């Protein structure tokens, strides 16, 4: 960790603190041998989390036919507008990151990492509400029995 942290902190860009990035995105697990690609590797690590949550929310909006997805989607089907907006943001950043892989420019990487970090902090309250609702859904034994009866 110290190696990547030291190299990150030597960069001359306005970036989030390494400690905060690591708290949300586990960037200390990155092995960056090439100093020129440290920001690219950090961006890619950050976007993994975006894509994980985009997949989870995508399954709430348009579930595949699995018990987990159908049960969870049922909890959100009446008011999915907030989910749709959050999904749109997550996918926007994912696709923007993919475009950045076409031509890697260090200054753009630094700016994008800052944007990703700020966007994540803004999305956290909504993501926490969604995850709390999903967790509660699985805590209630009766609701799963209703889903099985509803879908099966």
C-alpha atoms as a PDB file:
ATOM      1  CA  UNK A   1       0.000   0.000   0.000  1.00  0.00           C
ATOM      2  CA  UNK A   2       2.740   2.439   0.907  1.00  0.00           C
ATOM      3  CA  UNK A   3       4.221   2.301  -2.571  1.00  0.00           C
ATOM      4  CA  UNK A   4       1.014   3.270  -4.366  1.00  0.00           C
ATOM      5  CA  UNK A   5       0.083   5.748  -1.656  1.00  0.00           C
ATOM      6  CA  UNK A   6       3.460   7.478  -1.849  1.00  0.00           C
ATOM      7  CA  UNK A   7       3.326   7.668  -5.621  1.00  0.00           C
ATOM      8  CA  UNK A   8      -0.281   8.918  -5.547  1.00  0.00           C
ATOM      9  CA  UNK A   9       0.566  11.657  -3.079  1.00  0.00           C
ATOM     10  CA  UNK A  10       3.451  12.855  -5.291  1.00  0.00           C
ATOM     11  CA  UNK A  11       1.093  13.578  -8.176  1.00  0.00           C
ATOM     12  CA  UNK A  12       0.622  17.255  -8.991  1.00  0.00           C
ATOM     13  CA  UNK A  13      -3.147  17.206  -9.471  1.00  0.00           C
ATOM     14  CA  UNK A  14      -5.995  18.243  -7.245  1.00  0.00           C
ATOM     15  CA  UNK A  15      -7.213  14.802  -6.164  1.00  0.00           C
ATOM     16  CA  UNK A  16      -9.180  13.322  -3.265  1.00  0.00           C
ATOM     17  CA  UNK A  17      -7.034  12.139  -0.380  1.00  0.00           C
ATOM     18  CA  UNK A  18      -5.653   8.647  -0.767  1.00  0.00           C
ATOM     19  CA  UNK A  19      -7.168   7.693   2.577  1.00  0.00           C
ATOM     20  CA  UNK A  20     -10.679   8.671   1.438  1.00  0.00           C
ATOM     21  CA  UNK A  21     -10.276   6.962  -1.927  1.00  0.00           C
ATOM     22  CA  UNK A  22      -9.137   3.826  -0.166  1.00  0.00           C
ATOM     23  CA  UNK A  23     -12.058   3.991   2.258  1.00  0.00           C
ATOM     24  CA  UNK A  24     -14.620   3.850  -0.547  1.00  0.00           C
ATOM     25  CA  UNK A  25     -12.777   2.083  -3.366  1.00  0.00           C
ATOM     26  CA  UNK A  26      -9.998  -0.034  -1.787  1.00  0.00           C
ATOM     27  CA  UNK A  27      -7.373   1.522  -4.042  1.00  0.00           C
ATOM     28  CA  UNK A  28      -4.549   0.342  -1.779  1.00  0.00           C
ATOM     29  CA  UNK A  29      -5.042  -3.118  -3.297  1.00  0.00           C
ATOM     30  CA  UNK A  30      -3.822  -1.842  -6.680  1.00  0.00           C
ATOM     31  CA  UNK A  31      -0.443  -2.988  -7.861  1.00  0.00           C
ATOM     32  CA  UNK A  32       0.823  -0.187 -10.074  1.00  0.00           C
ATOM     33  CA  UNK A  33       4.299  -0.919 -11.355  1.00  0.00           C
ATOM     34  CA  UNK A  34       4.115   1.794 -13.989  1.00  0.00           C
ATOM     35  CA  UNK A  35       3.941   5.305 -12.542  1.00  0.00           C
ATOM     36  CA  UNK A  36       2.415   6.536 -15.792  1.00  0.00           C
ATOM     37  CA  UNK A  37      -0.664   4.359 -15.309  1.00  0.00           C
ATOM     38  CA  UNK A  38      -1.353   4.849 -11.601  1.00  0.00           C
ATOM     39  CA  UNK A  39      -4.316   7.155 -12.218  1.00  0.00           C
ATOM     40  CA  UNK A  40      -5.711   4.868 -14.908  1.00  0.00           C
ATOM     41  CA  UNK A  41      -5.559   1.905 -12.536  1.00  0.00           C
ATOM     42  CA  UNK A  42      -7.233   3.929  -9.778  1.00  0.00           C
ATOM     43  CA  UNK A  43     -10.004   5.012 -12.171  1.00  0.00           C
ATOM     44  CA  UNK A  44     -10.571   1.430 -13.261  1.00  0.00           C
ATOM     45  CA  UNK A  45     -10.703   0.265  -9.639  1.00  0.00           C
ATOM     46  CA  UNK A  46     -13.252   2.954  -8.817  1.00  0.00           C
ATOM     47  CA  UNK A  47     -15.401   2.138 -11.821  1.00  0.00           C
ATOM     48  CA  UNK A  48     -15.605  -1.520 -10.731  1.00  0.00           C
ATOM     49  CA  UNK A  49     -17.727  -0.418  -7.788  1.00  0.00           C
ATOM     50  CA  UNK A  50     -19.898   1.747 -10.023  1.00  0.00           C
ATOM     51  CA  UNK A  51     -20.477  -1.211 -12.326  1.00  0.00           C
ATOM     52  CA  UNK A  52     -21.289  -3.551  -9.426  1.00  0.00           C
ATOM     53  CA  UNK A  53     -24.010  -1.202  -8.224  1.00  0.00           C
ATOM     54  CA  UNK A  54     -25.223  -0.531 -11.765  1.00  0.00           C
ATOM     55  CA  UNK A  55     -25.717  -4.273 -12.193  1.00  0.00           C
ATOM     56  CA  UNK A  56     -27.549  -4.566  -8.878  1.00  0.00           C
ATOM     57  CA  UNK A  57     -29.862  -1.650  -9.687  1.00  0.00           C
ATOM     58  CA  UNK A  58     -30.312  -2.847 -13.260  1.00  0.00           C
ATOM     59  CA  UNK A  59     -31.615  -6.124 -11.844  1.00  0.00           C
ATOM     60  CA  UNK A  60     -34.073  -4.207  -9.688  1.00  0.00           C
ATOM     61  CA  UNK A  61     -35.359  -2.319 -12.726  1.00  0.00           C
ATOM     62  CA  UNK A  62     -35.429  -5.253 -15.133  1.00  0.00           C
ATOM     63  CA  UNK A  63     -34.920  -8.467 -13.203  1.00  0.00           C
ATOM     64  CA  UNK A  64     -33.705 -11.701 -14.666  1.00  0.00           C
ATOM     65  CA  UNK A  65     -35.879 -14.661 -13.726  1.00  0.00           C
ATOM     66  CA  UNK A  66     -34.112 -15.628 -10.526  1.00  0.00           C
ATOM     67  CA  UNK A  67     -35.669 -15.738  -7.089  1.00  0.00           C
ATOM     68  CA  UNK A  68     -33.294 -13.114  -5.723  1.00  0.00           C
ATOM     69  CA  UNK A  69     -33.874 -10.651  -8.556  1.00  0.00           C
ATOM     70  CA  UNK A  70     -37.633 -11.119  -8.719  1.00  0.00           C
ATOM     71  CA  UNK A  71     -38.033 -10.838  -4.950  1.00  0.00           C
ATOM     72  CA  UNK A  72     -35.951  -7.685  -4.740  1.00  0.00           C
ATOM     73  CA  UNK A  73     -37.491  -6.043  -7.815  1.00  0.00           C
ATOM     74  CA  UNK A  74     -40.944  -6.512  -6.329  1.00  0.00           C
ATOM     75  CA  UNK A  75     -39.955  -4.210  -3.464  1.00  0.00           C
ATOM     76  CA  UNK A  76     -39.164  -1.364  -5.887  1.00  0.00           C
ATOM     77  CA  UNK A  77     -41.622  -1.807  -8.738  1.00  0.00           C
ATOM     78  CA  UNK A  78     -44.124   0.865  -7.610  1.00  0.00           C
ATOM     79  CA  UNK A  79     -41.690   3.786  -7.483  1.00  0.00           C
ATOM     80  CA  UNK A  80     -38.610   3.082  -9.520  1.00  0.00           C
ATOM     81  CA  UNK A  81     -37.928   6.628 -10.764  1.00  0.00           C
ATOM     82  CA  UNK A  82     -35.166   7.251  -8.155  1.00  0.00           C
ATOM     83  CA  UNK A  83     -33.616   3.913  -9.103  1.00  0.00           C
ATOM     84  CA  UNK A  84     -33.693   4.823 -12.769  1.00  0.00           C
ATOM     85  CA  UNK A  85     -31.945   8.150 -12.152  1.00  0.00           C
ATOM     86  CA  UNK A  86     -29.272   6.493 -10.031  1.00  0.00           C
ATOM     87  CA  UNK A  87     -28.805   3.751 -12.619  1.00  0.00           C
ATOM     88  CA  UNK A  88     -28.406   6.376 -15.328  1.00  0.00           C
ATOM     89  CA  UNK A  89     -25.636   8.111 -13.367  1.00  0.00           C
ATOM     90  CA  UNK A  90     -23.788   4.881 -12.650  1.00  0.00           C
ATOM     91  CA  UNK A  91     -23.903   3.744 -16.272  1.00  0.00           C
ATOM     92  CA  UNK A  92     -22.949   7.208 -17.540  1.00  0.00           C
ATOM     93  CA  UNK A  93     -19.741   7.096 -15.498  1.00  0.00           C
ATOM     94  CA  UNK A  94     -19.061   3.508 -16.540  1.00  0.00           C
ATOM     95  CA  UNK A  95     -19.367   4.358 -20.224  1.00  0.00           C
ATOM     96  CA  UNK A  96     -17.348   7.548 -19.772  1.00  0.00           C
ATOM     97  CA  UNK A  97     -14.599   5.470 -18.185  1.00  0.00           C
ATOM     98  CA  UNK A  98     -14.674   3.019 -21.087  1.00  0.00           C
ATOM     99  CA  UNK A  99     -14.265   5.911 -23.502  1.00  0.00           C
ATOM    100  CA  UNK A 100     -11.253   7.130 -21.530  1.00  0.00           C
ATOM    101  CA  UNK A 101      -9.566   3.787 -22.175  1.00  0.00           C
ATOM    102  CA  UNK A 102      -9.444   4.674 -25.870  1.00  0.00           C
ATOM    103  CA  UNK A 103      -6.871   7.403 -25.220  1.00  0.00           C
ATOM    104  CA  UNK A 104      -5.257   7.683 -21.813  1.00  0.00           C
ATOM    105  CA  UNK A 105      -4.439  11.265 -20.832  1.00  0.00           C
ATOM    106  CA  UNK A 106      -3.169  11.740 -17.286  1.00  0.00           C
ATOM    107  CA  UNK A 107      -4.827  15.146 -16.736  1.00  0.00           C
ATOM    108  CA  UNK A 108      -8.182  13.726 -17.829  1.00  0.00           C
ATOM    109  CA  UNK A 109      -7.695  10.751 -15.504  1.00  0.00           C
ATOM    110  CA  UNK A 110      -7.099  13.056 -12.542  1.00  0.00           C
ATOM    111  CA  UNK A 111     -10.163  15.159 -13.324  1.00  0.00           C
ATOM    112  CA  UNK A 112     -12.324  12.065 -13.794  1.00  0.00           C
ATOM    113  CA  UNK A 113     -11.162  10.495 -10.521  1.00  0.00           C
ATOM    114  CA  UNK A 114     -12.205  13.666  -8.706  1.00  0.00           C
ATOM    115  CA  UNK A 115     -15.560  13.655 -10.508  1.00  0.00           C
ATOM    116  CA  UNK A 116     -16.120   9.965  -9.698  1.00  0.00           C
ATOM    117  CA  UNK A 117     -15.261  10.523  -6.064  1.00  0.00           C
ATOM    118  CA  UNK A 118     -17.609  13.507  -5.699  1.00  0.00           C
ATOM    119  CA  UNK A 119     -20.410  11.731  -7.548  1.00  0.00           C
ATOM    120  CA  UNK A 120     -20.003   8.682  -5.315  1.00  0.00           C
ATOM    121  CA  UNK A 121     -20.282  10.759  -2.160  1.00  0.00           C
ATOM    122  CA  UNK A 122     -23.439  12.382  -3.569  1.00  0.00           C
ATOM    123  CA  UNK A 123     -24.956   8.984  -4.448  1.00  0.00           C
ATOM    124  CA  UNK A 124     -24.140   7.357  -1.115  1.00  0.00           C
ATOM    125  CA  UNK A 125     -27.320   8.416   0.748  1.00  0.00           C
ATOM    126  CA  UNK A 126     -29.546   6.957  -1.980  1.00  0.00           C
ATOM    127  CA  UNK A 127     -27.436   3.816  -2.279  1.00  0.00           C
ATOM    128  CA  UNK A 128     -27.592   3.350   1.484  1.00  0.00           C
ATOM    129  CA  UNK A 129     -31.397   3.634   1.412  1.00  0.00           C
ATOM    130  CA  UNK A 130     -31.623   1.031  -1.344  1.00  0.00           C
ATOM    131  CA  UNK A 131     -29.280  -1.365   0.423  1.00  0.00           C
ATOM    132  CA  UNK A 132     -31.096  -0.938   3.744  1.00  0.00           C
ATOM    133  CA  UNK A 133     -34.391  -1.714   2.023  1.00  0.00           C
ATOM    134  CA  UNK A 134     -32.928  -4.805   0.370  1.00  0.00           C
ATOM    135  CA  UNK A 135     -31.404  -5.998   3.617  1.00  0.00           C
ATOM    136  CA  UNK A 136     -34.711  -5.526   5.426  1.00  0.00           C
ATOM    137  CA  UNK A 137     -36.499  -7.391   2.665  1.00  0.00           C
ATOM    138  CA  UNK A 138     -34.403 -10.492   3.332  1.00  0.00           C
ATOM    139  CA  UNK A 139     -34.792 -10.155   7.073  1.00  0.00           C
ATOM    140  CA  UNK A 140     -38.566 -10.561   6.764  1.00  0.00           C
ATOM    141  CA  UNK A 141     -39.239 -14.273   6.368  1.00  0.00           C
ATOM    142  CA  UNK A 142     -42.844 -13.694   5.334  1.00  0.00           C
ATOM    143  CA  UNK A 143     -42.017 -11.465   2.369  1.00  0.00           C
ATOM    144  CA  UNK A 144     -39.902 -14.165   0.715  1.00  0.00           C
ATOM    145  CA  UNK A 145     -42.738 -16.666   1.062  1.00  0.00           C
ATOM    146  CA  UNK A 146     -45.073 -14.142  -0.575  1.00  0.00           C
ATOM    147  CA  UNK A 147     -42.610 -13.684  -3.442  1.00  0.00           C
ATOM    148  CA  UNK A 148     -42.320 -17.390  -4.008  1.00  0.00           C
ATOM    149  CA  UNK A 149     -46.106 -17.652  -4.091  1.00  0.00           C
ATOM    150  CA  UNK A 150     -46.372 -14.549  -6.290  1.00  0.00           C
ATOM    151  CA  UNK A 151     -43.839 -15.713  -8.874  1.00  0.00           C
ATOM    152  CA  UNK A 152     -44.110 -19.486  -8.653  1.00  0.00           C
END
